Amino acid sequence: FRFFYVLVKKKNNELDQSYQILLSHLTLFNILFAASYAFIMAPAGYGLLPDFYASVAQYLGRIELIKATDFAFCMSFSLFIGVNRLTAFAVPLKQQKIWTAKNAHIVCGIVWVVVVAAAIPILVGPSTTYMVKQN
């Protein structure tokens, strides 16, 4: 949490602004992923509250499927950080034009929209109740 706080609140002039934006979004995703593990999977693994976990197992299963699906999409933040650093190394004069703060926010917004869009079908999912009709 401290690293995320430092990235967001303390404006470090030594870091490129687009790099700082991409890194803060990657850090936020890692915090969300770790928090869901700490509050959902770890207690279940230790056998705490077995009745509670048995009653909400279907919903927790969907949450874990969402995490598994979205993990692949959110790792694209690492890809964009690599592309950012590659453009800074390969074409340093054009890097400031390519990776403006606005463009970095647009890229991060697109990644989060794709993440949420990928999670919706898993969250809603097919119905698990079946109606049997007799003729």
C-alpha atoms as a PDB file:
ATOM      1  CA  PHE A   1       0.000   0.000   0.000  1.00  0.00           C
ATOM      2  CA  ARG A   2       2.862   2.355   0.700  1.00  0.00           C
ATOM      3  CA  PHE A   3       4.246   1.991  -2.802  1.00  0.00           C
ATOM      4  CA  PHE A   4       0.846   2.842  -4.301  1.00  0.00           C
ATOM      5  CA  TYR A   5       0.512   5.828  -1.956  1.00  0.00           C
ATOM      6  CA  VAL A   6       3.939   7.112  -2.943  1.00  0.00           C
ATOM      7  CA  LEU A   7       3.150   6.688  -6.652  1.00  0.00           C
ATOM      8  CA  VAL A   8      -0.177   8.496  -6.425  1.00  0.00           C
ATOM      9  CA  LYS A   9       0.426  11.216  -3.839  1.00  0.00           C
ATOM     10  CA  LYS A  10       4.085  12.036  -4.213  1.00  0.00           C
ATOM     11  CA  LYS A  11       4.753  13.409  -7.647  1.00  0.00           C
ATOM     12  CA  ASN A  12       8.237  12.149  -8.351  1.00  0.00           C
ATOM     13  CA  ASN A  13       9.840  14.343 -10.979  1.00  0.00           C
ATOM     14  CA  GLU A  14      12.494  11.742 -11.767  1.00  0.00           C
ATOM     15  CA  LEU A  15       9.935   9.311 -13.201  1.00  0.00           C
ATOM     16  CA  ASP A  16       8.316   9.866 -16.562  1.00  0.00           C
ATOM     17  CA  GLN A  17       4.657  10.761 -15.997  1.00  0.00           C
ATOM     18  CA  SER A  18       3.304   8.114 -18.380  1.00  0.00           C
ATOM     19  CA  TYR A  19       5.483   5.468 -16.736  1.00  0.00           C
ATOM     20  CA  GLN A  20       4.230   6.567 -13.322  1.00  0.00           C
ATOM     21  CA  ILE A  21       0.592   6.313 -14.473  1.00  0.00           C
ATOM     22  CA  LEU A  22       1.061   2.815 -15.909  1.00  0.00           C
ATOM     23  CA  LEU A  23       2.958   1.680 -12.827  1.00  0.00           C
ATOM     24  CA  SER A  24       0.276   3.003 -10.461  1.00  0.00           C
ATOM     25  CA  HIS A  25      -2.440   1.092 -12.354  1.00  0.00           C
ATOM     26  CA  LEU A  26      -0.365  -2.090 -12.261  1.00  0.00           C
ATOM     27  CA  THR A  27       0.162  -1.595  -8.528  1.00  0.00           C
ATOM     28  CA  LEU A  28      -3.577  -1.076  -7.985  1.00  0.00           C
ATOM     29  CA  PHE A  29      -4.324  -4.315  -9.820  1.00  0.00           C
ATOM     30  CA  ASN A  30      -1.750  -6.187  -7.735  1.00  0.00           C
ATOM     31  CA  ILE A  31      -3.277  -4.803  -4.530  1.00  0.00           C
ATOM     32  CA  LEU A  32      -6.767  -5.936  -5.589  1.00  0.00           C
ATOM     33  CA  PHE A  33      -5.473  -9.377  -6.540  1.00  0.00           C
ATOM     34  CA  ALA A  34      -3.570  -9.800  -3.259  1.00  0.00           C
ATOM     35  CA  ALA A  35      -6.482  -8.531  -1.156  1.00  0.00           C
ATOM     36  CA  SER A  36      -8.877 -11.018  -2.723  1.00  0.00           C
ATOM     37  CA  TYR A  37      -6.429 -13.797  -1.939  1.00  0.00           C
ATOM     38  CA  ALA A  38      -5.881 -12.625   1.628  1.00  0.00           C
ATOM     39  CA  PHE A  39      -9.570 -12.266   2.441  1.00  0.00           C
ATOM     40  CA  ILE A  40     -11.078 -15.132   0.418  1.00  0.00           C
ATOM     41  CA  MET A  41      -8.632 -17.904  -0.436  1.00  0.00           C
ATOM     42  CA  ALA A  42      -6.293 -17.904   2.551  1.00  0.00           C
ATOM     43  CA  PRO A  43      -9.007 -18.260   5.236  1.00  0.00           C
ATOM     44  CA  ALA A  44     -10.712 -20.991   3.197  1.00  0.00           C
ATOM     45  CA  GLY A  45      -7.396 -22.793   2.809  1.00  0.00           C
ATOM     46  CA  TYR A  46      -6.858 -22.763   6.565  1.00  0.00           C
ATOM     47  CA  GLY A  47     -10.348 -24.175   7.142  1.00  0.00           C
ATOM     48  CA  LEU A  48     -11.805 -21.102   8.820  1.00  0.00           C
ATOM     49  CA  LEU A  49     -15.603 -20.760   8.680  1.00  0.00           C
ATOM     50  CA  PRO A  50     -16.311 -23.904   6.637  1.00  0.00           C
ATOM     51  CA  ASP A  51     -20.099 -23.450   6.807  1.00  0.00           C
ATOM     52  CA  PHE A  52     -19.839 -19.928   5.437  1.00  0.00           C
ATOM     53  CA  TYR A  53     -17.604 -20.997   2.562  1.00  0.00           C
ATOM     54  CA  ALA A  54     -19.873 -23.949   1.777  1.00  0.00           C
ATOM     55  CA  SER A  55     -22.903 -21.655   1.558  1.00  0.00           C
ATOM     56  CA  VAL A  56     -21.249 -19.117  -0.755  1.00  0.00           C
ATOM     57  CA  ALA A  57     -19.076 -21.512  -2.757  1.00  0.00           C
ATOM     58  CA  GLN A  58     -20.857 -20.807  -6.043  1.00  0.00           C
ATOM     59  CA  TYR A  59     -20.237 -17.070  -5.761  1.00  0.00           C
ATOM     60  CA  LEU A  60     -16.647 -17.479  -4.616  1.00  0.00           C
ATOM     61  CA  GLY A  61     -16.045 -19.781  -7.568  1.00  0.00           C
ATOM     62  CA  ARG A  62     -17.236 -17.047  -9.897  1.00  0.00           C
ATOM     63  CA  ILE A  63     -14.966 -14.535  -8.191  1.00  0.00           C
ATOM     64  CA  GLU A  64     -11.996 -16.838  -8.715  1.00  0.00           C
ATOM     65  CA  LEU A  65     -12.928 -17.324 -12.380  1.00  0.00           C
ATOM     66  CA  ILE A  66     -13.107 -13.560 -12.784  1.00  0.00           C
ATOM     67  CA  LYS A  67      -9.669 -13.227 -11.182  1.00  0.00           C
ATOM     68  CA  ALA A  68      -8.201 -15.874 -13.460  1.00  0.00           C
ATOM     69  CA  THR A  69      -9.672 -14.263 -16.573  1.00  0.00           C
ATOM     70  CA  ASP A  70      -8.813 -10.709 -15.640  1.00  0.00           C
ATOM     71  CA  PHE A  71      -5.294 -11.602 -14.570  1.00  0.00           C
ATOM     72  CA  ALA A  72      -4.341 -12.179 -18.195  1.00  0.00           C
ATOM     73  CA  PHE A  73      -5.820  -8.867 -19.308  1.00  0.00           C
ATOM     74  CA  CYS A  74      -4.339  -6.818 -16.476  1.00  0.00           C
ATOM     75  CA  MET A  75      -0.891  -8.170 -17.145  1.00  0.00           C
ATOM     76  CA  SER A  76      -1.070  -6.031 -20.259  1.00  0.00           C
ATOM     77  CA  PHE A  77      -0.112  -3.177 -17.917  1.00  0.00           C
ATOM     78  CA  SER A  78       3.300  -4.848 -17.741  1.00  0.00           C
ATOM     79  CA  LEU A  79       3.325  -5.063 -21.522  1.00  0.00           C
ATOM     80  CA  PHE A  80       2.563  -1.349 -21.851  1.00  0.00           C
ATOM     81  CA  ILE A  81       5.237  -0.489 -19.283  1.00  0.00           C
ATOM     82  CA  GLY A  82       7.702  -2.458 -21.404  1.00  0.00           C
ATOM     83  CA  VAL A  83       6.565  -0.694 -24.574  1.00  0.00           C
ATOM     84  CA  ASN A  84       6.866   2.643 -22.773  1.00  0.00           C
ATOM     85  CA  ARG A  85      10.438   1.911 -21.743  1.00  0.00           C
ATOM     86  CA  LEU A  86      11.277   0.536 -25.203  1.00  0.00           C
ATOM     87  CA  THR A  87      10.096   3.725 -26.895  1.00  0.00           C
ATOM     88  CA  ALA A  88      12.049   5.755 -24.348  1.00  0.00           C
ATOM     89  CA  PHE A  89      15.171   3.822 -25.280  1.00  0.00           C
ATOM     90  CA  ALA A  90      14.645   3.450 -29.042  1.00  0.00           C
ATOM     91  CA  VAL A  91      13.198   6.856 -29.929  1.00  0.00           C
ATOM     92  CA  PRO A  92      13.799   9.172 -26.962  1.00  0.00           C
ATOM     93  CA  LEU A  93      12.843  12.343 -28.821  1.00  0.00           C
ATOM     94  CA  LYS A  94       9.459  10.984 -29.949  1.00  0.00           C
ATOM     95  CA  GLN A  95       8.706   9.270 -26.640  1.00  0.00           C
ATOM     96  CA  GLN A  96       7.338  12.439 -25.040  1.00  0.00           C
ATOM     97  CA  LYS A  97       4.949  12.906 -27.971  1.00  0.00           C
ATOM     98  CA  ILE A  98       3.797   9.289 -27.995  1.00  0.00           C
ATOM     99  CA  TRP A  99       3.413   8.725 -24.256  1.00  0.00           C
ATOM    100  CA  THR A 100       1.675  11.824 -22.964  1.00  0.00           C
ATOM    101  CA  ALA A 101      -0.272  11.650 -19.707  1.00  0.00           C
ATOM    102  CA  LYS A 102      -3.511  11.743 -21.704  1.00  0.00           C
ATOM    103  CA  ASN A 103      -2.454   8.781 -23.858  1.00  0.00           C
ATOM    104  CA  ALA A 104      -1.362   6.821 -20.782  1.00  0.00           C
ATOM    105  CA  HIS A 105      -4.747   7.431 -19.137  1.00  0.00           C
ATOM    106  CA  ILE A 106      -6.509   6.355 -22.339  1.00  0.00           C
ATOM    107  CA  VAL A 107      -4.483   3.128 -22.501  1.00  0.00           C
ATOM    108  CA  CYS A 108      -5.202   2.373 -18.835  1.00  0.00           C
ATOM    109  CA  GLY A 109      -8.888   3.139 -19.325  1.00  0.00           C
ATOM    110  CA  ILE A 110      -9.084   0.772 -22.277  1.00  0.00           C
ATOM    111  CA  VAL A 111      -7.410  -1.990 -20.264  1.00  0.00           C
ATOM    112  CA  TRP A 112      -9.837  -1.552 -17.338  1.00  0.00           C
ATOM    113  CA  VAL A 113     -12.855  -1.496 -19.695  1.00  0.00           C
ATOM    114  CA  VAL A 114     -11.677  -4.754 -21.282  1.00  0.00           C
ATOM    115  CA  VAL A 115     -11.172  -6.254 -17.810  1.00  0.00           C
ATOM    116  CA  VAL A 116     -14.687  -5.322 -16.691  1.00  0.00           C
ATOM    117  CA  ALA A 117     -16.197  -6.439 -20.005  1.00  0.00           C
ATOM    118  CA  ALA A 118     -14.479  -9.819 -19.678  1.00  0.00           C
ATOM    119  CA  ALA A 119     -15.784 -10.207 -16.121  1.00  0.00           C
ATOM    120  CA  ILE A 120     -19.459  -9.512 -16.879  1.00  0.00           C
ATOM    121  CA  PRO A 121     -20.278 -12.837 -18.616  1.00  0.00           C
ATOM    122  CA  ILE A 122     -18.609 -14.765 -15.815  1.00  0.00           C
ATOM    123  CA  LEU A 123     -20.354 -12.739 -13.127  1.00  0.00           C
ATOM    124  CA  VAL A 124     -23.810 -13.075 -14.660  1.00  0.00           C
ATOM    125  CA  GLY A 125     -23.219 -16.583 -15.929  1.00  0.00           C
ATOM    126  CA  PRO A 126     -25.806 -19.108 -16.994  1.00  0.00           C
ATOM    127  CA  SER A 127     -28.639 -19.965 -14.675  1.00  0.00           C
ATOM    128  CA  THR A 128     -28.089 -22.997 -12.490  1.00  0.00           C
ATOM    129  CA  THR A 129     -31.798 -23.704 -12.021  1.00  0.00           C
ATOM    130  CA  TYR A 130     -33.586 -25.917 -14.490  1.00  0.00           C
ATOM    131  CA  MET A 131     -37.278 -26.215 -15.127  1.00  0.00           C
ATOM    132  CA  VAL A 132     -38.562 -29.660 -15.980  1.00  0.00           C
ATOM    133  CA  LYS A 133     -41.673 -29.692 -18.149  1.00  0.00           C
ATOM    134  CA  GLN A 134     -43.904 -32.684 -18.593  1.00  0.00           C
ATOM    135  CA  ASN A 135     -46.008 -33.266 -21.685  1.00  0.00           C
END
